[in-house]
Amino acid sequence: MQSSAVFSILLPMALVVIMLGLGLSLTVADFRQVISRPKPVVVALICQTLILPVICFGIVYASALPAAVAVGMMLLAASPGGSSANLYSHLAGGDVALNITLTTINTVLALVTLPIIVNFSLMFFYGEGKVIPLQIDKVLQVFALVLIPVAIGMFVRDRYGALAITLDRPVKIMSSLFLAGIVLVALIQEWNTLLTWGPVIGVATLAFNLISLAIGYGVPRLMRLERRQAIAICMEVGIHNSTLVIAIAMSPTLLNNSEMAIPPAIYGLIAYVTAAIVVYFIKRGASPTAPAAA
């Protein structure tokens, strides 16, 4: 679980390229449409902040996981969506403007919901609470990685439309390669952790990930939202910010517990793969919930 140059330096750089590519495909009108139609945002927030923590608690309770691992799972459920959700949504043809809006709102909302859910988990599984201070610097970091590159891409799209169209495909390919590289490095770096803990925690994290993806797509469709919006919510709800969770779990000033970081580490590996499978089935015209039924 040691940090590496890949995740401390190259990963943020990769995310910047990815978000820049997303910005090239967006316009201000896309965000105006999201703001003028708030129903998708409300549906996504209900799934993210209310339904998923309850589902995760049920999985953790039924699995009889160790206390530290259980708290790590709940910390994962309480975390906002990851930046990678924006890319997967883009590749699947989702409403990326909705994704970015949700990422921003969820990150701010997590300042309140995350300490509440995690402190409840600490009290339930350990019998005592522990205050988790608000991480303003983490929020600003997410904003910087998400909003600034997207804004630059949108500026290029607005001022240099022909250039944006020319760059869109190669940047999308480069983003996919970056993402594949991140998955490969993560597999190599966490291989021992995966071998040791995978059989015990892997089933719980996989179940939570697949249920998150299914809820993220199914609930919006039941609420009669457009398919592009359902895809966006599916990715936002189904891909949590495991990097943020690991940072909170292992930070000496916060939980300072490496065991709590194991569920998000394994989840991060699983989510990249399952989300890629979902994108594949969406591209093939199949239901995005198909992988969950397999």
C-alpha atoms as a PDB file:
ATOM      1  CA  MET A   1       0.000   0.000   0.000  1.00  0.00           C
ATOM      2  CA  GLN A   2       2.978   2.285  -0.348  1.00  0.00           C
ATOM      3  CA  SER A   3       2.571   5.343  -2.533  1.00  0.00           C
ATOM      4  CA  SER A   4       4.473   5.433  -5.795  1.00  0.00           C
ATOM      5  CA  ALA A   5       5.493   7.972  -8.389  1.00  0.00           C
ATOM      6  CA  VAL A   6       2.846   6.570 -10.694  1.00  0.00           C
ATOM      7  CA  PHE A   7      -0.030   7.409  -8.391  1.00  0.00           C
ATOM      8  CA  SER A   8       1.390  10.573  -6.855  1.00  0.00           C
ATOM      9  CA  ILE A   9       2.635  12.204 -10.072  1.00  0.00           C
ATOM     10  CA  LEU A  10       1.704  10.346 -13.245  1.00  0.00           C
ATOM     11  CA  LEU A  11      -1.890   9.620 -12.268  1.00  0.00           C
ATOM     12  CA  PRO A  12      -2.799  13.290 -11.743  1.00  0.00           C
ATOM     13  CA  MET A  13      -1.046  14.118 -15.022  1.00  0.00           C
ATOM     14  CA  ALA A  14      -3.044  11.409 -16.778  1.00  0.00           C
ATOM     15  CA  LEU A  15      -6.278  12.728 -15.283  1.00  0.00           C
ATOM     16  CA  VAL A  16      -5.446  16.224 -16.530  1.00  0.00           C
ATOM     17  CA  VAL A  17      -5.067  14.898 -20.090  1.00  0.00           C
ATOM     18  CA  ILE A  18      -8.277  12.912 -19.748  1.00  0.00           C
ATOM     19  CA  MET A  19     -10.272  15.881 -18.461  1.00  0.00           C
ATOM     20  CA  LEU A  20      -8.788  18.150 -21.142  1.00  0.00           C
ATOM     21  CA  GLY A  21     -10.064  15.700 -23.751  1.00  0.00           C
ATOM     22  CA  LEU A  22     -13.511  15.745 -22.178  1.00  0.00           C
ATOM     23  CA  GLY A  23     -13.551  19.537 -22.286  1.00  0.00           C
ATOM     24  CA  LEU A  24     -12.975  19.450 -26.035  1.00  0.00           C
ATOM     25  CA  SER A  25     -16.357  17.750 -26.444  1.00  0.00           C
ATOM     26  CA  LEU A  26     -18.343  20.101 -24.179  1.00  0.00           C
ATOM     27  CA  THR A  27     -19.997  23.486 -24.566  1.00  0.00           C
ATOM     28  CA  VAL A  28     -21.525  25.921 -22.097  1.00  0.00           C
ATOM     29  CA  ALA A  29     -24.928  24.960 -23.495  1.00  0.00           C
ATOM     30  CA  ASP A  30     -24.421  21.421 -22.170  1.00  0.00           C
ATOM     31  CA  PHE A  31     -24.186  22.729 -18.595  1.00  0.00           C
ATOM     32  CA  ARG A  32     -27.081  25.116 -19.079  1.00  0.00           C
ATOM     33  CA  GLN A  33     -29.214  22.145 -20.046  1.00  0.00           C
ATOM     34  CA  VAL A  34     -28.207  20.302 -16.859  1.00  0.00           C
ATOM     35  CA  ILE A  35     -29.032  23.301 -14.677  1.00  0.00           C
ATOM     36  CA  SER A  36     -32.362  23.883 -16.408  1.00  0.00           C
ATOM     37  CA  ARG A  37     -33.335  20.235 -15.810  1.00  0.00           C
ATOM     38  CA  PRO A  38     -32.335  19.376 -12.217  1.00  0.00           C
ATOM     39  CA  LYS A  39     -34.207  16.051 -12.004  1.00  0.00           C
ATOM     40  CA  PRO A  40     -31.179  13.914 -13.063  1.00  0.00           C
ATOM     41  CA  VAL A  41     -29.020  15.620 -10.423  1.00  0.00           C
ATOM     42  CA  VAL A  42     -31.579  14.957  -7.683  1.00  0.00           C
ATOM     43  CA  VAL A  43     -31.982  11.300  -8.718  1.00  0.00           C
ATOM     44  CA  ALA A  44     -28.204  10.789  -8.771  1.00  0.00           C
ATOM     45  CA  LEU A  45     -27.714  12.412  -5.361  1.00  0.00           C
ATOM     46  CA  ILE A  46     -30.403  10.208  -3.805  1.00  0.00           C
ATOM     47  CA  CYS A  47     -28.684   7.114  -5.211  1.00  0.00           C
ATOM     48  CA  GLN A  48     -25.224   8.302  -4.132  1.00  0.00           C
ATOM     49  CA  THR A  49     -25.900   9.624  -0.641  1.00  0.00           C
ATOM     50  CA  LEU A  50     -28.864   7.561   0.577  1.00  0.00           C
ATOM     51  CA  ILE A  51     -29.316   4.271  -1.275  1.00  0.00           C
ATOM     52  CA  LEU A  52     -25.674   3.175  -1.685  1.00  0.00           C
ATOM     53  CA  PRO A  53     -24.587   3.574   1.975  1.00  0.00           C
ATOM     54  CA  VAL A  54     -27.581   1.464   3.043  1.00  0.00           C
ATOM     55  CA  ILE A  55     -26.769  -1.197   0.430  1.00  0.00           C
ATOM     56  CA  CYS A  56     -23.102  -1.222   1.449  1.00  0.00           C
ATOM     57  CA  PHE A  57     -23.981  -1.557   5.131  1.00  0.00           C
ATOM     58  CA  GLY A  58     -26.147  -4.563   4.289  1.00  0.00           C
ATOM     59  CA  ILE A  59     -23.300  -6.202   2.342  1.00  0.00           C
ATOM     60  CA  VAL A  60     -20.791  -5.515   5.123  1.00  0.00           C
ATOM     61  CA  TYR A  61     -23.128  -6.793   7.841  1.00  0.00           C
ATOM     62  CA  ALA A  62     -24.012  -9.956   5.922  1.00  0.00           C
ATOM     63  CA  SER A  63     -20.348 -10.637   5.104  1.00  0.00           C
ATOM     64  CA  ALA A  64     -19.252 -10.382   8.757  1.00  0.00           C
ATOM     65  CA  LEU A  65     -16.100  -8.523   7.754  1.00  0.00           C
ATOM     66  CA  PRO A  66     -13.479  -7.436  10.325  1.00  0.00           C
ATOM     67  CA  ALA A  67     -14.176  -4.046  11.884  1.00  0.00           C
ATOM     68  CA  ALA A  68     -11.411  -2.159  10.058  1.00  0.00           C
ATOM     69  CA  VAL A  69     -12.380  -3.647   6.702  1.00  0.00           C
ATOM     70  CA  ALA A  70     -16.051  -2.892   7.354  1.00  0.00           C
ATOM     71  CA  VAL A  71     -15.255   0.758   8.065  1.00  0.00           C
ATOM     72  CA  GLY A  72     -13.150   0.887   4.899  1.00  0.00           C
ATOM     73  CA  MET A  73     -16.138  -0.370   2.908  1.00  0.00           C
ATOM     74  CA  MET A  74     -18.443   2.232   4.426  1.00  0.00           C
ATOM     75  CA  LEU A  75     -15.840   4.923   3.812  1.00  0.00           C
ATOM     76  CA  LEU A  76     -15.882   3.849   0.176  1.00  0.00           C
ATOM     77  CA  ALA A  77     -19.691   4.045   0.020  1.00  0.00           C
ATOM     78  CA  ALA A  78     -19.606   7.542   1.510  1.00  0.00           C
ATOM     79  CA  SER A  79     -17.022   8.844  -0.956  1.00  0.00           C
ATOM     80  CA  PRO A  80     -17.933  10.919  -4.037  1.00  0.00           C
ATOM     81  CA  GLY A  81     -17.594   9.649  -7.584  1.00  0.00           C
ATOM     82  CA  GLY A  82     -14.137   9.392  -9.076  1.00  0.00           C
ATOM     83  CA  SER A  83     -12.814  11.513 -11.926  1.00  0.00           C
ATOM     84  CA  SER A  84     -12.506   8.377 -14.064  1.00  0.00           C
ATOM     85  CA  ALA A  85     -16.302   8.189 -14.158  1.00  0.00           C
ATOM     86  CA  ASN A  86     -16.253  11.172 -16.503  1.00  0.00           C
ATOM     87  CA  LEU A  87     -14.039   9.361 -18.984  1.00  0.00           C
ATOM     88  CA  TYR A  88     -16.011   6.120 -18.888  1.00  0.00           C
ATOM     89  CA  SER A  89     -19.210   8.091 -19.400  1.00  0.00           C
ATOM     90  CA  HIS A  90     -17.613   9.872 -22.348  1.00  0.00           C
ATOM     91  CA  LEU A  91     -16.538   6.577 -23.914  1.00  0.00           C
ATOM     92  CA  ALA A  92     -20.026   5.108 -23.405  1.00  0.00           C
ATOM     93  CA  GLY A  93     -21.840   8.106 -24.868  1.00  0.00           C
ATOM     94  CA  GLY A  94     -23.167   9.458 -21.579  1.00  0.00           C
ATOM     95  CA  ASP A  95     -23.955  13.038 -20.592  1.00  0.00           C
ATOM     96  CA  VAL A  96     -20.469  14.160 -19.533  1.00  0.00           C
ATOM     97  CA  ALA A  97     -21.671  17.625 -18.503  1.00  0.00           C
ATOM     98  CA  LEU A  98     -23.989  15.900 -16.035  1.00  0.00           C
ATOM     99  CA  ASN A  99     -21.058  13.782 -14.803  1.00  0.00           C
ATOM    100  CA  ILE A 100     -18.866  16.786 -14.129  1.00  0.00           C
ATOM    101  CA  THR A 101     -21.728  18.605 -12.413  1.00  0.00           C
ATOM    102  CA  LEU A 102     -22.372  15.569 -10.206  1.00  0.00           C
ATOM    103  CA  THR A 103     -18.671  15.142  -9.404  1.00  0.00           C
ATOM    104  CA  THR A 104     -18.514  18.758  -8.253  1.00  0.00           C
ATOM    105  CA  ILE A 105     -21.714  18.615  -6.173  1.00  0.00           C
ATOM    106  CA  ASN A 106     -20.896  15.200  -4.668  1.00  0.00           C
ATOM    107  CA  THR A 107     -17.412  16.307  -3.658  1.00  0.00           C
ATOM    108  CA  VAL A 108     -18.764  19.328  -1.781  1.00  0.00           C
ATOM    109  CA  LEU A 109     -21.625  17.313  -0.283  1.00  0.00           C
ATOM    110  CA  ALA A 110     -19.139  14.664   0.899  1.00  0.00           C
ATOM    111  CA  LEU A 111     -17.689  17.236   3.299  1.00  0.00           C
ATOM    112  CA  VAL A 112     -20.856  16.687   5.340  1.00  0.00           C
ATOM    113  CA  THR A 113     -22.044  13.178   4.478  1.00  0.00           C
ATOM    114  CA  LEU A 114     -18.669  11.413   4.601  1.00  0.00           C
ATOM    115  CA  PRO A 115     -17.825  12.246   8.258  1.00  0.00           C
ATOM    116  CA  ILE A 116     -21.391  11.365   9.325  1.00  0.00           C
ATOM    117  CA  ILE A 117     -21.418   7.949   7.629  1.00  0.00           C
ATOM    118  CA  VAL A 118     -17.875   7.028   8.633  1.00  0.00           C
ATOM    119  CA  ASN A 119     -18.271   8.140  12.245  1.00  0.00           C
ATOM    120  CA  PHE A 120     -21.471   6.077  12.442  1.00  0.00           C
ATOM    121  CA  SER A 121     -19.527   3.099  11.078  1.00  0.00           C
ATOM    122  CA  LEU A 122     -16.750   3.574  13.630  1.00  0.00           C
ATOM    123  CA  MET A 123     -19.300   3.645  16.440  1.00  0.00           C
ATOM    124  CA  PHE A 124     -21.173   0.595  15.124  1.00  0.00           C
ATOM    125  CA  PHE A 125     -18.193  -1.646  14.351  1.00  0.00           C
ATOM    126  CA  TYR A 126     -15.763  -0.415  17.012  1.00  0.00           C
ATOM    127  CA  GLY A 127     -18.141   0.862  19.657  1.00  0.00           C
ATOM    128  CA  GLU A 128     -16.544   4.312  19.712  1.00  0.00           C
ATOM    129  CA  GLY A 129     -16.489   7.341  17.455  1.00  0.00           C
ATOM    130  CA  LYS A 130     -13.646   9.264  15.909  1.00  0.00           C
ATOM    131  CA  VAL A 131     -13.919  12.689  14.336  1.00  0.00           C
ATOM    132  CA  ILE A 132     -12.787  12.994  10.716  1.00  0.00           C
ATOM    133  CA  PRO A 133     -11.861  16.616   9.975  1.00  0.00           C
ATOM    134  CA  LEU A 134     -12.975  18.174   6.716  1.00  0.00           C
ATOM    135  CA  GLN A 135     -10.379  17.887   3.964  1.00  0.00           C
ATOM    136  CA  ILE A 136     -10.685  21.210   2.137  1.00  0.00           C
ATOM    137  CA  ASP A 137      -7.355  20.645   0.360  1.00  0.00           C
ATOM    138  CA  LYS A 138      -8.646  17.350  -1.073  1.00  0.00           C
ATOM    139  CA  VAL A 139     -11.736  19.096  -2.387  1.00  0.00           C
ATOM    140  CA  LEU A 140      -9.645  21.809  -4.015  1.00  0.00           C
ATOM    141  CA  GLN A 141      -7.416  19.135  -5.548  1.00  0.00           C
ATOM    142  CA  VAL A 142     -10.406  17.398  -7.119  1.00  0.00           C
ATOM    143  CA  PHE A 143     -11.676  20.733  -8.424  1.00  0.00           C
ATOM    144  CA  ALA A 144      -8.272  21.488  -9.943  1.00  0.00           C
ATOM    145  CA  LEU A 145      -7.983  18.077 -11.624  1.00  0.00           C
ATOM    146  CA  VAL A 146     -11.536  18.157 -12.960  1.00  0.00           C
ATOM    147  CA  LEU A 147     -12.594  21.721 -13.618  1.00  0.00           C
ATOM    148  CA  ILE A 148      -9.444  23.497 -14.860  1.00  0.00           C
ATOM    149  CA  PRO A 149      -8.544  21.053 -17.685  1.00  0.00           C
ATOM    150  CA  VAL A 150     -12.203  20.839 -18.702  1.00  0.00           C
ATOM    151  CA  ALA A 151     -12.431  24.632 -18.815  1.00  0.00           C
ATOM    152  CA  ILE A 152      -9.340  24.812 -21.033  1.00  0.00           C
ATOM    153  CA  GLY A 153     -10.791  22.190 -23.367  1.00  0.00           C
ATOM    154  CA  MET A 154     -14.095  24.051 -23.556  1.00  0.00           C
ATOM    155  CA  PHE A 155     -12.235  27.281 -24.322  1.00  0.00           C
ATOM    156  CA  VAL A 156     -10.441  25.591 -27.222  1.00  0.00           C
ATOM    157  CA  ARG A 157     -13.765  24.165 -28.422  1.00  0.00           C
ATOM    158  CA  ASP A 158     -15.379  27.612 -28.293  1.00  0.00           C
ATOM    159  CA  ARG A 159     -12.559  29.625 -29.870  1.00  0.00           C
ATOM    160  CA  TYR A 160     -10.926  27.051 -32.130  1.00  0.00           C
ATOM    161  CA  GLY A 161     -13.701  24.691 -33.147  1.00  0.00           C
ATOM    162  CA  ALA A 162     -11.846  23.065 -36.032  1.00  0.00           C
ATOM    163  CA  LEU A 163      -8.836  22.346 -33.822  1.00  0.00           C
ATOM    164  CA  ALA A 164     -11.081  20.826 -31.149  1.00  0.00           C
ATOM    165  CA  ILE A 165     -12.683  18.509 -33.694  1.00  0.00           C
ATOM    166  CA  THR A 166      -9.252  17.484 -34.982  1.00  0.00           C
ATOM    167  CA  LEU A 167      -7.936  16.786 -31.490  1.00  0.00           C
ATOM    168  CA  ASP A 168     -11.029  14.997 -30.182  1.00  0.00           C
ATOM    169  CA  ARG A 169     -10.315  11.509 -31.566  1.00  0.00           C
ATOM    170  CA  PRO A 170      -6.548  11.321 -30.842  1.00  0.00           C
ATOM    171  CA  VAL A 171      -7.066  12.721 -27.337  1.00  0.00           C
ATOM    172  CA  LYS A 172      -9.823  10.168 -26.715  1.00  0.00           C
ATOM    173  CA  ILE A 173      -7.466   7.388 -27.837  1.00  0.00           C
ATOM    174  CA  MET A 174      -4.684   8.793 -25.649  1.00  0.00           C
ATOM    175  CA  SER A 175      -7.079   8.981 -22.702  1.00  0.00           C
ATOM    176  CA  SER A 176      -8.042   5.331 -23.175  1.00  0.00           C
ATOM    177  CA  LEU A 177      -4.363   4.336 -23.284  1.00  0.00           C
ATOM    178  CA  PHE A 178      -3.682   6.340 -20.128  1.00  0.00           C
ATOM    179  CA  LEU A 179      -6.556   4.607 -18.383  1.00  0.00           C
ATOM    180  CA  ALA A 180      -5.365   1.169 -19.517  1.00  0.00           C
ATOM    181  CA  GLY A 181      -1.888   2.011 -18.243  1.00  0.00           C
ATOM    182  CA  ILE A 182      -3.270   3.063 -14.863  1.00  0.00           C
ATOM    183  CA  VAL A 183      -5.138  -0.226 -14.555  1.00  0.00           C
ATOM    184  CA  LEU A 184      -2.012  -2.213 -15.472  1.00  0.00           C
ATOM    185  CA  VAL A 185       0.208  -0.354 -12.998  1.00  0.00           C
ATOM    186  CA  ALA A 186      -2.423  -0.690 -10.277  1.00  0.00           C
ATOM    187  CA  LEU A 187      -2.619  -4.448 -10.869  1.00  0.00           C
ATOM    188  CA  ILE A 188       1.164  -4.773 -10.631  1.00  0.00           C
ATOM    189  CA  GLN A 189       1.528  -2.537  -7.589  1.00  0.00           C
ATOM    190  CA  GLU A 190      -1.329  -4.102  -5.609  1.00  0.00           C
ATOM    191  CA  TRP A 191      -0.781  -7.701  -6.769  1.00  0.00           C
ATOM    192  CA  ASN A 192       0.331  -8.977  -3.356  1.00  0.00           C
ATOM    193  CA  THR A 193      -2.571  -7.191  -1.678  1.00  0.00           C
ATOM    194  CA  LEU A 194      -4.952  -8.678  -4.216  1.00  0.00           C
ATOM    195  CA  LEU A 195      -3.621 -12.209  -3.634  1.00  0.00           C
ATOM    196  CA  THR A 196      -3.779 -11.856   0.144  1.00  0.00           C
ATOM    197  CA  TRP A 197      -7.106 -10.107   0.602  1.00  0.00           C
ATOM    198  CA  GLY A 198      -8.885 -10.690  -2.688  1.00  0.00           C
ATOM    199  CA  PRO A 199     -10.638 -13.955  -1.704  1.00  0.00           C
ATOM    200  CA  VAL A 200     -11.937 -12.408   1.525  1.00  0.00           C
ATOM    201  CA  ILE A 201     -12.896  -8.876   0.501  1.00  0.00           C
ATOM    202  CA  GLY A 202     -13.111  -9.238  -3.266  1.00  0.00           C
ATOM    203  CA  VAL A 203     -16.621 -10.704  -3.259  1.00  0.00           C
ATOM    204  CA  ALA A 204     -17.958  -7.884  -1.065  1.00  0.00           C
ATOM    205  CA  THR A 205     -16.336  -5.121  -3.118  1.00  0.00           C
ATOM    206  CA  LEU A 206     -17.408  -6.741  -6.388  1.00  0.00           C
ATOM    207  CA  ALA A 207     -20.991  -7.071  -5.158  1.00  0.00           C
ATOM    208  CA  PHE A 208     -21.041  -3.444  -4.047  1.00  0.00           C
ATOM    209  CA  ASN A 209     -19.589  -2.267  -7.368  1.00  0.00           C
ATOM    210  CA  LEU A 210     -22.033  -4.246  -9.511  1.00  0.00           C
ATOM    211  CA  ILE A 211     -25.022  -3.195  -7.400  1.00  0.00           C
ATOM    212  CA  SER A 212     -23.846   0.433  -7.607  1.00  0.00           C
ATOM    213  CA  LEU A 213     -23.674   0.237 -11.402  1.00  0.00           C
ATOM    214  CA  ALA A 214     -27.073  -1.453 -11.588  1.00  0.00           C
ATOM    215  CA  ILE A 215     -28.709   1.111  -9.290  1.00  0.00           C
ATOM    216  CA  GLY A 216     -26.958   3.957 -11.099  1.00  0.00           C
ATOM    217  CA  TYR A 217     -28.522   2.893 -14.387  1.00  0.00           C
ATOM    218  CA  GLY A 218     -31.756   1.242 -13.258  1.00  0.00           C
ATOM    219  CA  VAL A 219     -33.141   3.933 -10.945  1.00  0.00           C
ATOM    220  CA  PRO A 220     -32.753   6.772 -13.503  1.00  0.00           C
ATOM    221  CA  ARG A 221     -34.450   4.628 -16.164  1.00  0.00           C
ATOM    222  CA  LEU A 222     -37.304   3.861 -13.761  1.00  0.00           C
ATOM    223  CA  MET A 223     -37.576   7.617 -13.237  1.00  0.00           C
ATOM    224  CA  ARG A 224     -37.855   7.967 -17.029  1.00  0.00           C
ATOM    225  CA  LEU A 225     -34.581   9.820 -17.520  1.00  0.00           C
ATOM    226  CA  GLU A 226     -32.881   9.819 -20.906  1.00  0.00           C
ATOM    227  CA  ARG A 227     -30.459   6.998 -21.703  1.00  0.00           C
ATOM    228  CA  ARG A 228     -27.461   9.385 -21.877  1.00  0.00           C
ATOM    229  CA  GLN A 229     -28.317  10.698 -18.423  1.00  0.00           C
ATOM    230  CA  ALA A 230     -28.750   7.170 -17.058  1.00  0.00           C
ATOM    231  CA  ILE A 231     -25.321   6.217 -18.425  1.00  0.00           C
ATOM    232  CA  ALA A 232     -23.758   9.268 -16.789  1.00  0.00           C
ATOM    233  CA  ILE A 233     -25.378   8.506 -13.425  1.00  0.00           C
ATOM    234  CA  CYS A 234     -24.416   4.827 -13.753  1.00  0.00           C
ATOM    235  CA  MET A 235     -20.746   5.747 -14.069  1.00  0.00           C
ATOM    236  CA  GLU A 236     -20.872   8.470 -11.417  1.00  0.00           C
ATOM    237  CA  VAL A 237     -22.566   6.214  -8.874  1.00  0.00           C
ATOM    238  CA  GLY A 238     -20.653   3.068  -9.851  1.00  0.00           C
ATOM    239  CA  ILE A 239     -17.091   4.450  -9.764  1.00  0.00           C
ATOM    240  CA  HIS A 240     -16.169   5.880  -6.379  1.00  0.00           C
ATOM    241  CA  ASN A 241     -13.076   7.933  -5.626  1.00  0.00           C
ATOM    242  CA  SER A 242     -10.982   5.089  -4.205  1.00  0.00           C
ATOM    243  CA  THR A 243      -7.823   7.233  -4.236  1.00  0.00           C
ATOM    244  CA  LEU A 244      -9.451   9.736  -1.871  1.00  0.00           C
ATOM    245  CA  VAL A 245     -10.639   6.898   0.369  1.00  0.00           C
ATOM    246  CA  ILE A 246      -7.151   5.394   0.585  1.00  0.00           C
ATOM    247  CA  ALA A 247      -5.720   8.815   1.461  1.00  0.00           C
ATOM    248  CA  ILE A 248      -8.242   9.314   4.274  1.00  0.00           C
ATOM    249  CA  ALA A 249      -7.783   5.774   5.611  1.00  0.00           C
ATOM    250  CA  MET A 250      -3.980   5.946   5.723  1.00  0.00           C
ATOM    251  CA  SER A 251      -3.465   9.580   6.665  1.00  0.00           C
ATOM    252  CA  PRO A 252      -1.731   9.873  10.070  1.00  0.00           C
ATOM    253  CA  THR A 253      -3.991  12.828  10.927  1.00  0.00           C
ATOM    254  CA  LEU A 254      -7.205  10.957  10.073  1.00  0.00           C
ATOM    255  CA  LEU A 255      -7.909   7.223  10.440  1.00  0.00           C
ATOM    256  CA  ASN A 256      -4.262   6.076  10.170  1.00  0.00           C
ATOM    257  CA  ASN A 257      -5.282   2.490   9.429  1.00  0.00           C
ATOM    258  CA  SER A 258      -3.842   0.676   6.410  1.00  0.00           C
ATOM    259  CA  GLU A 259      -6.328  -2.189   6.807  1.00  0.00           C
ATOM    260  CA  MET A 260      -9.173   0.236   6.116  1.00  0.00           C
ATOM    261  CA  ALA A 261      -7.471   1.108   2.831  1.00  0.00           C
ATOM    262  CA  ILE A 262      -7.631  -2.457   1.505  1.00  0.00           C
ATOM    263  CA  PRO A 263     -11.301  -2.398   0.362  1.00  0.00           C
ATOM    264  CA  PRO A 264     -10.885   0.791  -1.723  1.00  0.00           C
ATOM    265  CA  ALA A 265      -7.608  -0.555  -3.169  1.00  0.00           C
ATOM    266  CA  ILE A 266      -9.320  -3.733  -4.348  1.00  0.00           C
ATOM    267  CA  TYR A 267     -12.438  -1.822  -5.367  1.00  0.00           C
ATOM    268  CA  GLY A 268     -10.357   0.512  -7.519  1.00  0.00           C
ATOM    269  CA  LEU A 269      -9.031  -2.457  -9.494  1.00  0.00           C
ATOM    270  CA  ILE A 270     -12.473  -4.027  -9.843  1.00  0.00           C
ATOM    271  CA  ALA A 271     -14.275  -0.810 -10.792  1.00  0.00           C
ATOM    272  CA  TYR A 272     -11.930  -0.069 -13.696  1.00  0.00           C
ATOM    273  CA  VAL A 273     -12.586  -3.526 -15.149  1.00  0.00           C
ATOM    274  CA  THR A 274     -16.356  -3.697 -14.571  1.00  0.00           C
ATOM    275  CA  ALA A 275     -16.856  -0.163 -15.885  1.00  0.00           C
ATOM    276  CA  ALA A 276     -14.917  -1.083 -19.026  1.00  0.00           C
ATOM    277  CA  ILE A 277     -17.200  -4.113 -19.476  1.00  0.00           C
ATOM    278  CA  VAL A 278     -20.255  -1.889 -19.046  1.00  0.00           C
ATOM    279  CA  VAL A 279     -18.913   0.515 -21.680  1.00  0.00           C
ATOM    280  CA  TYR A 280     -18.371  -2.405 -24.050  1.00  0.00           C
ATOM    281  CA  PHE A 281     -21.944  -3.653 -23.662  1.00  0.00           C
ATOM    282  CA  ILE A 282     -23.325  -0.146 -24.043  1.00  0.00           C
ATOM    283  CA  LYS A 283     -21.363   0.264 -27.246  1.00  0.00           C
ATOM    284  CA  ARG A 284     -22.719  -3.061 -28.450  1.00  0.00           C
ATOM    285  CA  GLY A 285     -26.240  -1.897 -27.649  1.00  0.00           C
ATOM    286  CA  ALA A 286     -26.766  -4.255 -24.708  1.00  0.00           C
ATOM    287  CA  SER A 287     -28.127  -3.293 -21.302  1.00  0.00           C
ATOM    288  CA  PRO A 288     -25.471  -1.711 -19.020  1.00  0.00           C
ATOM    289  CA  THR A 289     -26.713  -3.941 -16.216  1.00  0.00           C
ATOM    290  CA  ALA A 290     -25.749  -7.061 -18.151  1.00  0.00           C
ATOM    291  CA  PRO A 291     -22.379  -7.538 -16.385  1.00  0.00           C
ATOM    292  CA  ALA A 292     -24.126  -7.457 -13.023  1.00  0.00           C
ATOM    293  CA  ALA A 293     -26.332 -10.340 -14.040  1.00  0.00           C
ATOM    294  CA  ALA A 294     -23.450 -12.481 -15.200  1.00  0.00           C
END
